[in-house]
C-alpha atoms as a PDB file:
ATOM      1  CA  MET A   1    -155.965  39.667-139.503  1.00  0.00           C
ATOM      2  CA  THR A   2    -156.248  37.889-143.487  1.00  0.00           C
ATOM      3  CA  ILE A   3    -159.256  37.694-145.649  1.00  0.00           C
ATOM      4  CA  SER A   4    -158.956  34.071-145.623  1.00  0.00           C
ATOM      5  CA  GLU A   5    -159.049  33.922-141.582  1.00  0.00           C
ATOM      6  CA  LEU A   6    -161.770  36.726-141.596  1.00  0.00           C
ATOM      7  CA  LYS A   7    -163.779  34.258-143.893  1.00  0.00           C
ATOM      8  CA  ASP A   8    -163.588  31.645-141.156  1.00  0.00           C
ATOM      9  CA  LEU A   9    -164.876  33.547-138.505  1.00  0.00           C
ATOM     10  CA  VAL A  10    -168.302  35.123-140.191  1.00  0.00           C
ATOM     11  CA  ARG A  11    -171.491  33.384-141.011  1.00  0.00           C
ATOM     12  CA  TYR A  12    -173.454  33.299-144.040  1.00  0.00           C
ATOM     13  CA  ILE A  13    -177.215  33.559-144.582  1.00  0.00           C
ATOM     14  CA  THR A  14    -178.075  31.833-147.546  1.00  0.00           C
ATOM     15  CA  THR A  15    -181.470  31.146-149.790  1.00  0.00           C
ATOM     16  CA  ALA A  16    -182.891  27.904-149.953  1.00  0.00           C
ATOM     17  CA  LEU A  17    -180.830  27.257-152.675  1.00  0.00           C
ATOM     18  CA  GLY A  18    -177.708  27.978-150.829  1.00  0.00           C
ATOM     19  CA  GLU A  19    -176.857  31.113-152.295  1.00  0.00           C
ATOM     20  CA  PRO A  20    -175.069  33.512-150.164  1.00  0.00           C
ATOM     21  CA  ILE A  21    -177.390  36.668-149.424  1.00  0.00           C
ATOM     22  CA  GLU A  22    -175.907  38.216-146.038  1.00  0.00           C
ATOM     23  CA  VAL A  23    -173.210  37.828-143.812  1.00  0.00           C
ATOM     24  CA  VAL A  24    -172.975  37.947-140.105  1.00  0.00           C
ATOM     25  CA  ILE A  25    -170.014  39.155-138.288  1.00  0.00           C
ATOM     26  CA  PRO A  26    -168.448  39.087-134.881  1.00  0.00           C
ATOM     27  CA  ILE A  27    -168.734  42.197-132.866  1.00  0.00           C
ATOM     28  CA  ALA A  28    -165.275  41.799-132.039  1.00  0.00           C
ATOM     29  CA  ILE A  29    -164.212  41.608-135.776  1.00  0.00           C
ATOM     30  CA  TRP A  30    -166.744  44.423-136.889  1.00  0.00           C
ATOM     31  CA  THR A  31    -165.268  46.766-134.012  1.00  0.00           C
ATOM     32  CA  GLN A  32    -161.684  46.105-135.975  1.00  0.00           C
ATOM     33  CA  MET A  33    -163.369  46.642-139.268  1.00  0.00           C
ATOM     34  CA  LEU A  34    -164.755  49.956-138.306  1.00  0.00           C
ATOM     35  CA  GLN A  35    -161.461  50.993-136.630  1.00  0.00           C
ATOM     36  CA  SER A  36    -159.472  50.359-139.280  1.00  0.00           C
ATOM     37  CA  LEU A  37    -161.688  51.980-141.841  1.00  0.00           C
ATOM     38  CA  GLU A  38    -161.534  54.765-139.528  1.00  0.00           C
ATOM     39  CA  LEU A  39    -157.740  54.962-139.722  1.00  0.00           C
ATOM     40  CA  LEU A  40    -157.696  54.741-143.549  1.00  0.00           C
ATOM     41  CA  GLU A  41    -159.811  57.562-143.456  1.00  0.00           C
ATOM     42  CA  SER A  42    -157.523  59.688-141.256  1.00  0.00           C
ATOM     43  CA  GLY A  43    -154.974  58.773-144.017  1.00  0.00           C
ATOM     44  CA  LEU A  44    -152.872  57.483-141.053  1.00  0.00           C
ATOM     45  CA  HIS A  45    -151.221  54.066-140.519  1.00  0.00           C
ATOM     46  CA  PRO A  46    -151.769  52.971-137.179  1.00  0.00           C
ATOM     47  CA  GLU A  47    -148.557  53.411-136.192  1.00  0.00           C
ATOM     48  CA  ASP A  48    -148.802  56.705-136.686  1.00  0.00           C
ATOM     49  CA  GLU A  49    -152.088  57.299-135.266  1.00  0.00           C
ATOM     50  CA  ASN A  50    -151.285  56.188-132.030  1.00  0.00           C
ATOM     51  CA  GLU A  51    -147.833  58.097-131.829  1.00  0.00           C
ATOM     52  CA  PRO A  52    -148.289  60.765-129.524  1.00  0.00           C
ATOM     53  CA  LYS A  53    -148.689  64.580-130.595  1.00  0.00           C
ATOM     54  CA  GLU A  54    -145.401  65.534-128.631  1.00  0.00           C
ATOM     55  CA  LYS A  55    -142.889  63.323-130.639  1.00  0.00           C
ATOM     56  CA  ILE A  56    -144.807  64.222-134.287  1.00  0.00           C
ATOM     57  CA  LEU A  57    -144.197  68.073-133.136  1.00  0.00           C
ATOM     58  CA  ALA A  58    -140.868  67.253-131.766  1.00  0.00           C
ATOM     59  CA  ASP A  59    -139.945  65.198-135.224  1.00  0.00           C
ATOM     60  CA  LEU A  60    -141.401  68.354-137.090  1.00  0.00           C
ATOM     61  CA  GLN A  61    -139.167  70.757-135.286  1.00  0.00           C
ATOM     62  CA  GLU A  62    -136.330  69.030-135.377  1.00  0.00           C
ATOM     63  CA  ALA A  63    -136.669  68.465-139.178  1.00  0.00           C
ATOM     64  CA  ILE A  64    -137.261  72.240-139.559  1.00  0.00           C
ATOM     65  CA  ARG A  65    -133.982  72.774-137.867  1.00  0.00           C
ATOM     66  CA  ALA A  66    -131.903  70.250-140.015  1.00  0.00           C
ATOM     67  CA  THR A  67    -133.291  72.413-143.246  1.00  0.00           C
ATOM     68  CA  LYS A  68    -132.415  75.708-142.033  1.00  0.00           C
ATOM     69  CA  ARG A  69    -128.798  74.220-140.908  1.00  0.00           C
ATOM     70  CA  GLY A  70    -128.515  73.195-144.577  1.00  0.00           C
ATOM     71  CA  GLU A  71    -128.774  69.063-143.808  1.00  0.00           C
ATOM     72  CA  THR A  72    -130.872  68.578-146.707  1.00  0.00           C
ATOM     73  CA  PHE A  73    -131.339  65.853-149.632  1.00  0.00           C
ATOM     74  CA  PRO A  74    -132.359  65.465-153.188  1.00  0.00           C
ATOM     75  CA  VAL A  75    -135.460  64.409-153.219  1.00  0.00           C
ATOM     76  CA  SER A  76    -134.225  61.631-155.745  1.00  0.00           C
ATOM     77  CA  GLU A  77    -132.057  59.974-153.070  1.00  0.00           C
ATOM     78  CA  LEU A  78    -135.284  60.265-150.515  1.00  0.00           C
ATOM     79  CA  TRP A  79    -136.995  58.138-152.762  1.00  0.00           C
ATOM     80  CA  ASP A  80    -134.378  55.629-153.455  1.00  0.00           C
ATOM     81  CA  LYS A  81    -134.622  54.941-149.299  1.00  0.00           C
ATOM     82  CA  VAL A  82    -137.994  54.506-149.513  1.00  0.00           C
ATOM     83  CA  TYR A  83    -137.951  51.544-152.289  1.00  0.00           C
ATOM     84  CA  GLU A  84    -134.719  49.938-150.780  1.00  0.00           C
END
């Protein structure tokens, strides 16, 4: 959800002069926002947060086996792939 979409879904409480002082957020949106903040605190991307722990462990084990076989890459090459 974009910020402009969010702005369309909330209601503003204003003073008599029309100055916004509070926001009323629908529960569904509030719940989504809290979940997003919790994921930010965990440091994980939502895709990673939902990945089964068994798969994460299997990927790490395979990475260790590849390293032991000498299948490594220079860090500069890995960063180049990140920024492609």
